Amino acid sequence: MEYCKGKNSFGKLNYQIIITPEAEKDLDEAFKRYEKNSPGLGVEFLNCVDESLKVIQDTPEIYQNVYKNIRRALTHRFPYGIFYIIEEDVIIVLAVFHAKRNPKIWKKRHPK
């Protein structure tokens, strides 16, 4: 999945967002789990993630590094973190993980 560049509300150039296949899988699994538990909740989860991605795209450096150069943005309402790196004008989303999952899993996704 890829978000396009453009101007944000502050007139700055937005970063391009690339979501890795592993992060896409994370999103798909969470969506299916929420939908199974309560129809419509998966869509609400994806909307929440989308809102967080918009904030990341506008101001990616507001979130602190949590491991090497990996940053984490927490979603609202759902206990998930979006783990990403910034490379020049590109944001690469490495993982979208539940807060209680083992961090060793997303740390392994760090590009060497």
Protein backbone atom coordinates (compact mmCIF):
# COMPACT_ATOMS: atom_id res chain seq x y z
CA MET A 1 0.00 0.00 0.00
CA GLU A 2 1.29 3.44 -0.80
CA TYR A 3 0.15 6.92 0.15
CA CYS A 4 0.93 9.73 -2.27
CA LYS A 5 2.95 12.86 -1.67
CA GLY A 6 1.20 16.19 -1.48
CA LYS A 7 0.98 19.35 0.58
CA ASN A 8 -0.20 19.09 4.16
CA SER A 9 -2.23 21.72 5.99
CA PHE A 10 0.98 23.55 6.94
CA GLY A 11 2.14 23.85 3.31
CA LYS A 12 4.98 21.36 3.82
CA LEU A 13 5.61 18.50 1.45
CA ASN A 14 4.14 15.25 2.71
CA TYR A 15 6.19 12.14 2.87
CA GLN A 16 5.36 9.12 0.76
CA ILE A 17 4.20 6.20 2.92
CA ILE A 18 5.05 2.64 1.99
CA ILE A 19 3.48 -0.18 3.99
CA THR A 20 5.55 -3.34 3.89
CA PRO A 21 3.91 -6.71 3.12
CA GLU A 22 4.49 -7.75 6.75
CA ALA A 23 2.66 -4.65 8.03
CA GLU A 24 -0.13 -5.27 5.50
CA LYS A 25 -0.46 -8.77 6.98
CA ASP A 26 -0.59 -7.28 10.51
CA LEU A 27 -3.43 -4.99 9.42
CA ASP A 28 -5.33 -7.78 7.69
CA GLU A 29 -5.09 -10.08 10.71
CA ALA A 30 -6.27 -7.37 13.11
CA PHE A 31 -9.10 -6.37 10.76
CA LYS A 32 -10.33 -9.97 10.50
CA ARG A 33 -10.13 -10.49 14.28
CA TYR A 34 -12.12 -7.31 15.01
CA GLU A 35 -14.70 -8.10 12.31
CA LYS A 36 -15.17 -11.62 13.67
CA ASN A 37 -15.77 -10.27 17.18
CA SER A 38 -18.05 -7.44 16.11
CA PRO A 39 -19.06 -6.68 12.52
CA GLY A 40 -18.00 -3.15 11.59
CA LEU A 41 -15.31 -2.95 14.25
CA GLY A 42 -12.62 -3.96 11.75
CA VAL A 43 -13.56 -1.01 9.55
CA GLU A 44 -13.37 1.29 12.57
CA PHE A 45 -9.90 -0.12 13.32
CA LEU A 46 -8.70 0.56 9.76
CA ASN A 47 -10.13 4.09 9.91
CA CYS A 48 -8.25 4.67 13.15
CA VAL A 49 -5.00 3.42 11.60
CA ASP A 50 -5.62 5.62 8.56
CA GLU A 51 -5.99 8.69 10.80
CA SER A 52 -2.71 7.84 12.52
CA LEU A 53 -0.99 7.41 9.14
CA LYS A 54 -2.17 10.88 8.10
CA VAL A 55 -0.58 12.37 11.23
CA ILE A 56 2.62 10.41 10.58
CA GLN A 57 2.64 11.62 6.98
CA ASP A 58 2.22 15.27 8.02
CA THR A 59 4.65 15.25 10.95
CA PRO A 60 6.66 12.01 11.08
CA GLU A 61 9.32 13.28 13.47
CA ILE A 62 6.92 14.03 16.35
CA TYR A 63 7.09 10.40 17.44
CA GLN A 64 10.18 9.23 19.26
CA ASN A 65 12.52 6.42 18.31
CA VAL A 66 11.75 3.27 20.26
CA TYR A 67 14.45 1.03 18.77
CA LYS A 68 17.38 2.22 16.68
CA ASN A 69 15.73 4.46 14.06
CA ILE A 70 12.27 2.87 14.35
CA ARG A 71 9.57 5.25 15.55
CA ARG A 72 6.19 4.33 17.04
CA ALA A 73 2.86 6.09 16.78
CA LEU A 74 0.06 4.81 18.99
CA THR A 75 -3.44 4.60 17.55
CA HIS A 76 -6.43 6.10 19.30
CA ARG A 77 -9.08 3.78 20.72
CA PHE A 78 -7.28 0.58 19.72
CA PRO A 79 -4.15 -0.67 21.55
CA TYR A 80 -1.92 -0.74 18.48
CA GLY A 81 1.37 0.84 17.56
CA ILE A 82 2.48 1.76 14.06
CA PHE A 83 6.22 1.15 13.75
CA TYR A 84 8.00 3.01 10.97
CA ILE A 85 11.28 4.43 9.75
CA ILE A 86 11.98 7.62 7.84
CA GLU A 87 14.29 7.43 4.84
CA GLU A 88 14.71 10.83 3.19
CA ASP A 89 11.19 11.68 1.94
CA VAL A 90 9.74 8.19 2.43
CA ILE A 91 8.11 6.65 5.49
CA ILE A 92 8.28 2.86 5.61
CA VAL A 93 5.76 1.17 7.89
CA LEU A 94 7.36 -2.01 9.23
CA ALA A 95 4.64 -3.25 11.58
CA VAL A 96 1.23 -2.53 13.06
CA PHE A 97 1.27 -4.39 16.36
CA HIS A 98 -0.97 -4.86 19.37
CA ALA A 99 0.67 -3.30 22.41
CA LYS A 100 0.87 -6.66 24.23
CA ARG A 101 2.67 -8.54 21.45
CA ASN A 102 6.31 -9.46 21.84
CA PRO A 103 8.47 -6.55 20.58
CA LYS A 104 11.15 -8.97 19.39
CA ILE A 105 8.91 -9.73 16.41
CA TRP A 106 8.77 -6.17 15.04
CA LYS A 107 12.41 -5.52 15.96
CA LYS A 108 13.40 -8.31 13.58
CA ARG A 109 11.83 -6.33 10.75
CA HIS A 110 14.40 -3.56 11.11
CA PRO A 111 16.30 -3.23 7.82
CA LYS A 112 19.96 -3.93 8.32
